[in-house]
Amino acid sequence: MKALILNGKVVDTASTAFEVHSSMTWVDCADTVKAGYSYDGSSFTSNEPTADEIAATKVIADKKIADKAAAKTKLKELGLTDDQIAALIG
């Protein structure tokens, strides 16, 4: 597999190289390399989030959902209507 590199980024992959502008370079790569990866002249780095990053993002999103639900409950307990609550927090 070949990766087409422009300014340190993979812009394309192909099974065989083809003619490109002189600002681009073909280099050998593993079949797992994708467009968007970085290339430092010797190794490729994925631009895709890791499983840990995905999990951390999910924790943050879940907390935000829970906080919003708790806020709605508290506002209801204070006597606000659903319309008033929606105007405040959506």
Protein backbone atom coordinates (compact mmCIF):
# COMPACT_ATOMS: atom_id res chain seq x y z
CA MET A 1 0.00 0.00 0.00
CA LYS A 2 1.15 3.55 -0.70
CA ALA A 3 0.30 6.77 1.13
CA LEU A 4 0.33 10.13 -0.62
CA ILE A 5 1.88 12.75 1.66
CA LEU A 6 1.38 16.53 1.51
CA ASN A 7 2.75 18.77 4.27
CA GLY A 8 3.07 15.87 6.72
CA LYS A 9 -0.48 14.58 6.18
CA VAL A 10 -1.79 11.55 4.32
CA VAL A 11 -4.10 12.89 1.62
CA ASP A 12 -4.74 9.60 -0.19
CA THR A 13 -3.86 5.92 -0.20
CA ALA A 14 -3.58 3.58 -3.18
CA SER A 15 -2.30 0.15 -4.03
CA THR A 16 0.07 1.66 -6.60
CA ALA A 17 1.57 5.12 -6.96
CA PHE A 18 0.57 7.41 -9.80
CA GLU A 19 1.98 10.71 -11.01
CA VAL A 20 1.31 13.63 -8.68
CA HIS A 21 2.48 17.21 -8.21
CA SER A 22 6.07 17.60 -6.98
CA SER A 23 4.80 18.95 -3.63
CA MET A 24 3.46 15.46 -2.83
CA THR A 25 5.34 12.26 -2.09
CA TRP A 26 4.38 8.59 -2.17
CA VAL A 27 5.63 6.41 0.70
CA ASP A 28 5.04 2.77 1.58
CA CYS A 29 2.52 2.20 4.35
CA ALA A 30 0.47 -0.47 6.10
CA ASP A 31 -3.04 -1.24 4.89
CA THR A 32 -4.38 0.37 8.07
CA VAL A 33 -3.17 3.91 7.17
CA LYS A 34 -5.97 6.27 6.15
CA ALA A 35 -6.30 9.78 4.75
CA GLY A 36 -5.92 12.30 7.57
CA TYR A 37 -3.12 10.46 9.37
CA SER A 38 0.05 12.43 10.12
CA TYR A 39 3.42 11.39 8.73
CA ASP A 40 6.68 12.59 10.33
CA GLY A 41 9.04 11.19 7.71
CA SER A 42 9.29 7.74 9.29
CA SER A 43 6.02 6.81 10.99
CA PHE A 44 2.28 7.41 10.73
CA THR A 45 0.06 8.71 13.53
CA SER A 46 -3.69 8.20 13.53
CA ASN A 47 -6.00 11.20 13.75
CA GLU A 48 -8.83 8.98 15.04
CA PRO A 49 -9.80 9.13 18.72
CA THR A 50 -8.63 6.28 20.95
CA ALA A 51 -11.05 4.09 22.90
CA ASP A 52 -10.06 6.00 26.06
CA GLU A 53 -10.81 9.37 24.42
CA ILE A 54 -14.19 8.11 23.21
CA ALA A 55 -15.01 6.80 26.69
CA ALA A 56 -14.00 10.09 28.31
CA THR A 57 -16.16 12.05 25.89
CA LYS A 58 -19.11 9.77 26.66
CA VAL A 59 -18.65 10.30 30.41
CA ILE A 60 -18.73 14.07 29.91
CA ALA A 61 -21.82 13.88 27.68
CA ASP A 62 -23.63 11.57 30.12
CA LYS A 63 -22.86 13.93 33.02
CA LYS A 64 -24.19 16.89 31.06
CA ILE A 65 -27.43 15.01 30.34
CA ALA A 66 -27.79 14.03 34.00
CA ASP A 67 -27.06 17.58 35.17
CA LYS A 68 -29.67 18.99 32.80
CA ALA A 69 -32.28 16.49 34.03
CA ALA A 70 -31.46 17.35 37.66
CA ALA A 71 -31.74 21.07 36.89
CA LYS A 72 -35.16 20.57 35.30
CA THR A 73 -36.33 18.64 38.34
CA LYS A 74 -35.13 21.36 40.70
CA LEU A 75 -36.79 24.09 38.66
CA LYS A 76 -40.05 22.10 38.66
CA GLU A 77 -39.81 21.81 42.44
CA LEU A 78 -39.44 25.60 42.60
CA GLY A 79 -42.74 25.93 40.77
CA LEU A 80 -41.64 26.82 37.25
CA THR A 81 -43.77 25.63 34.34
CA ASP A 82 -42.43 23.46 31.53
CA ASP A 83 -42.51 26.51 29.21
CA GLN A 84 -40.49 28.58 31.67
CA ILE A 85 -37.99 25.79 32.11
CA ALA A 86 -37.65 25.38 28.34
CA ALA A 87 -37.04 29.11 28.01
CA LEU A 88 -34.22 28.85 30.53
CA ILE A 89 -32.42 25.65 29.55
CA GLY A 90 -34.06 24.32 26.40
